[in-house]
């Protein structure tokens, strides 16, 4: 009898602890994606305003950690209406045929302290490239901050054509803030 009660109690405790999954939930107010590019030698800054990150991070279990993002191309803004409209056209982002920029991580590798390398695939205008990016990941009280500053070559993704006045280098600054959330798995 005692053995049976012990087994039932074990199953009950195991069920309760496994029916919750940990996932990170995007903090929209603190998350941002900014970029800068030189045009005619002058820095043009812009942002993407609509994006959705999905992620999970556990420094002790990097194998199951990930960070993915979907960015709405239509949400791009440089605070200059004419530039914003041009960026949506086929010679730049071709929003009619490619409304989203998609990033899917494949691996997060620890360097030291809060420094990591995130590896994955970036898909812009239907062109998928493998990229590796240094990223800093800090956690405090269930709040995670992922910060990355990196450079992309716009020509790798056929953005901006063969413009002679537009730099090939696009500097990207991404800050993704998320909170740990417990959700029922069923």
Protein backbone atom coordinates (compact mmCIF):
# COMPACT_ATOMS: atom_id res chain seq x y z
CA UNK A 1 0.00 0.00 0.00
CA UNK A 2 2.74 2.47 0.99
CA UNK A 3 4.72 1.58 -2.13
CA UNK A 4 1.69 2.24 -4.34
CA UNK A 5 1.03 5.61 -2.63
CA UNK A 6 4.68 6.53 -3.10
CA UNK A 7 4.46 5.66 -6.82
CA UNK A 8 1.32 7.74 -7.28
CA UNK A 9 2.92 10.68 -5.47
CA UNK A 10 6.03 10.40 -7.67
CA UNK A 11 3.90 10.38 -10.85
CA UNK A 12 1.91 13.39 -9.62
CA UNK A 13 5.03 15.42 -8.78
CA UNK A 14 6.70 14.44 -12.07
CA UNK A 15 3.58 15.39 -14.04
CA UNK A 16 3.29 18.80 -12.41
CA UNK A 17 6.94 19.66 -13.00
CA UNK A 18 6.97 18.52 -16.62
CA UNK A 19 3.72 20.16 -17.73
CA UNK A 20 5.39 23.57 -17.62
CA UNK A 21 7.85 24.74 -20.26
CA UNK A 22 10.17 27.68 -20.00
CA UNK A 23 10.15 30.15 -22.85
CA UNK A 24 11.14 33.74 -23.27
CA UNK A 25 8.54 36.36 -24.06
CA UNK A 26 9.52 39.48 -26.02
CA UNK A 27 9.40 42.80 -24.17
CA UNK A 28 8.15 45.09 -26.95
CA UNK A 29 9.00 48.33 -25.14
CA UNK A 30 12.71 47.53 -24.77
CA UNK A 31 13.40 45.54 -27.94
CA UNK A 32 14.78 47.36 -31.00
CA UNK A 33 16.40 46.79 -34.39
CA UNK A 34 18.38 49.77 -35.75
CA UNK A 35 20.66 50.19 -38.74
CA UNK A 36 23.01 52.74 -40.32
CA UNK A 37 24.34 52.97 -43.84
CA UNK A 38 26.33 55.65 -45.65
CA UNK A 39 24.62 57.22 -48.65
CA UNK A 40 26.60 59.93 -50.48
CA UNK A 41 29.02 59.73 -47.53
CA UNK A 42 26.31 60.66 -45.00
CA UNK A 43 25.03 58.23 -42.38
CA UNK A 44 21.39 57.33 -42.88
CA UNK A 45 19.85 55.75 -39.79
CA UNK A 46 16.73 53.66 -39.69
CA UNK A 47 14.72 51.18 -37.67
CA UNK A 48 12.40 48.27 -38.13
CA UNK A 49 9.33 48.76 -35.95
CA UNK A 50 7.52 45.42 -36.29
CA UNK A 51 9.25 42.13 -35.44
CA UNK A 52 8.63 38.99 -33.50
CA UNK A 53 11.33 37.09 -31.67
CA UNK A 54 11.00 33.54 -30.40
CA UNK A 55 13.67 32.24 -28.10
CA UNK A 56 14.79 30.14 -25.23
CA UNK A 57 18.08 30.52 -23.44
CA UNK A 58 19.76 28.39 -20.83
CA UNK A 59 23.49 28.96 -20.35
CA UNK A 60 23.77 25.45 -18.91
CA UNK A 61 22.04 23.92 -21.93
CA UNK A 62 23.09 25.82 -25.05
CA UNK A 63 22.18 22.83 -27.23
CA UNK A 64 18.46 23.58 -26.70
CA UNK A 65 18.87 27.38 -26.70
CA UNK A 66 17.80 29.42 -29.71
CA UNK A 67 16.82 32.88 -30.95
CA UNK A 68 14.73 33.39 -34.08
CA UNK A 69 13.21 36.54 -35.54
CA UNK A 70 10.71 37.56 -38.18
CA UNK A 71 10.87 41.22 -39.24
CA UNK A 72 8.17 43.01 -41.21
CA UNK A 73 9.91 44.82 -44.08
CA UNK A 74 6.99 47.30 -44.32
CA UNK A 75 7.88 48.54 -40.84
CA UNK A 76 11.18 50.09 -42.00
CA UNK A 77 11.55 53.81 -41.33
CA UNK A 78 14.33 56.33 -41.77
CA UNK A 79 12.13 59.34 -40.91
CA UNK A 80 12.24 60.38 -44.57
CA UNK A 81 9.07 59.34 -46.37
CA UNK A 82 10.63 59.27 -49.88
CA UNK A 83 13.49 57.02 -48.72
CA UNK A 84 11.11 54.73 -46.83
CA UNK A 85 8.95 54.25 -49.94
CA UNK A 86 12.00 53.59 -52.13
CA UNK A 87 13.36 50.98 -49.70
CA UNK A 88 10.19 48.92 -50.26
CA UNK A 89 10.69 48.78 -54.05
CA UNK A 90 12.21 45.87 -55.98
CA UNK A 91 15.75 47.31 -56.19
CA UNK A 92 15.91 47.36 -52.38
CA UNK A 93 13.74 45.04 -50.24
CA UNK A 94 11.06 44.13 -52.83
CA UNK A 95 8.33 44.06 -50.18
CA UNK A 96 5.68 42.83 -52.63
CA UNK A 97 7.54 39.54 -53.13
CA UNK A 98 9.50 39.40 -49.86
CA UNK A 99 7.48 40.97 -47.01
CA UNK A 100 9.60 39.43 -44.23
CA UNK A 101 13.21 39.17 -43.17
CA UNK A 102 13.73 35.91 -41.33
CA UNK A 103 16.52 34.88 -38.98
CA UNK A 104 16.74 31.32 -37.62
CA UNK A 105 19.54 30.37 -35.25
CA UNK A 106 21.19 26.98 -35.45
CA UNK A 107 23.63 27.23 -32.54
CA UNK A 108 24.68 29.46 -29.67
CA UNK A 109 28.32 29.06 -28.63
CA UNK A 110 29.79 30.46 -25.40
CA UNK A 111 32.96 32.55 -25.64
CA UNK A 112 33.48 33.96 -22.12
CA UNK A 113 31.39 35.64 -19.46
CA UNK A 114 28.27 37.00 -21.15
CA UNK A 115 29.82 36.84 -24.64
CA UNK A 116 28.52 34.31 -27.16
CA UNK A 117 28.51 33.64 -30.89
CA UNK A 118 25.12 33.03 -32.43
CA UNK A 119 25.10 31.08 -35.66
CA UNK A 120 22.20 30.80 -38.04
CA UNK A 121 20.60 31.70 -41.34
CA UNK A 122 19.43 35.14 -42.42
CA UNK A 123 16.93 35.30 -45.26
CA UNK A 124 16.48 38.67 -47.02
CA UNK A 125 14.73 38.93 -50.40
CA UNK A 126 14.67 35.15 -50.69
CA UNK A 127 18.47 34.96 -50.37
CA UNK A 128 19.47 32.77 -47.43
CA UNK A 129 22.98 33.19 -45.99
CA UNK A 130 24.68 31.59 -43.02
CA UNK A 131 25.94 34.21 -40.59
CA UNK A 132 27.83 34.19 -37.29
CA UNK A 133 27.36 37.13 -34.98
CA UNK A 134 28.91 38.06 -31.65
CA UNK A 135 26.15 38.58 -29.10
CA UNK A 136 26.08 39.50 -25.44
CA UNK A 137 23.44 37.79 -23.32
CA UNK A 138 22.79 39.01 -19.79
CA UNK A 139 20.20 37.68 -17.37
CA UNK A 140 18.95 39.24 -14.18
CA UNK A 141 15.90 38.10 -12.28
CA UNK A 142 14.29 36.30 -15.20
CA UNK A 143 14.88 39.20 -17.61
CA UNK A 144 17.21 38.53 -20.53
CA UNK A 145 18.94 41.12 -22.70
CA UNK A 146 20.43 39.97 -26.01
CA UNK A 147 22.64 42.67 -27.59
CA UNK A 148 24.35 42.41 -30.96
CA UNK A 149 26.22 44.90 -33.13
CA UNK A 150 27.28 43.56 -36.50
CA UNK A 151 27.84 44.49 -40.12
CA UNK A 152 26.12 43.01 -43.16
CA UNK A 153 27.03 43.42 -46.82
CA UNK A 154 23.81 44.58 -48.50
CA UNK A 155 25.02 43.17 -51.82
CA UNK A 156 25.03 39.65 -50.35
CA UNK A 157 21.24 39.98 -50.28
CA UNK A 158 20.81 42.01 -53.50
CA UNK A 159 19.61 45.07 -51.58
CA UNK A 160 20.25 48.43 -53.25
CA UNK A 161 21.52 47.12 -56.56
CA UNK A 162 24.85 48.37 -57.84
CA UNK A 163 24.63 51.89 -56.42
CA UNK A 164 28.00 53.66 -56.41
CA UNK A 165 26.95 56.19 -53.74
CA UNK A 166 25.50 53.69 -51.26
CA UNK A 167 27.91 51.85 -48.98
CA UNK A 168 27.98 48.07 -49.14
CA UNK A 169 28.24 47.92 -45.34
CA UNK A 170 25.12 48.12 -43.20
CA UNK A 171 25.72 48.43 -39.47
CA UNK A 172 23.01 46.69 -37.47
CA UNK A 173 22.33 47.13 -33.78
CA UNK A 174 19.85 44.72 -32.25
CA UNK A 175 18.62 44.68 -28.67
CA UNK A 176 16.17 41.94 -27.77
CA UNK A 177 14.75 42.00 -24.26
CA UNK A 178 12.67 39.10 -22.99
CA UNK A 179 11.24 37.76 -19.79
CA UNK A 180 11.08 34.15 -18.71
CA UNK A 181 7.52 32.93 -18.76
CA UNK A 182 5.97 29.72 -17.59
CA UNK A 183 3.22 28.32 -19.75
CA UNK A 184 1.33 25.12 -19.47
CA UNK A 185 2.52 22.65 -22.06
CA UNK A 186 -0.94 21.17 -22.55
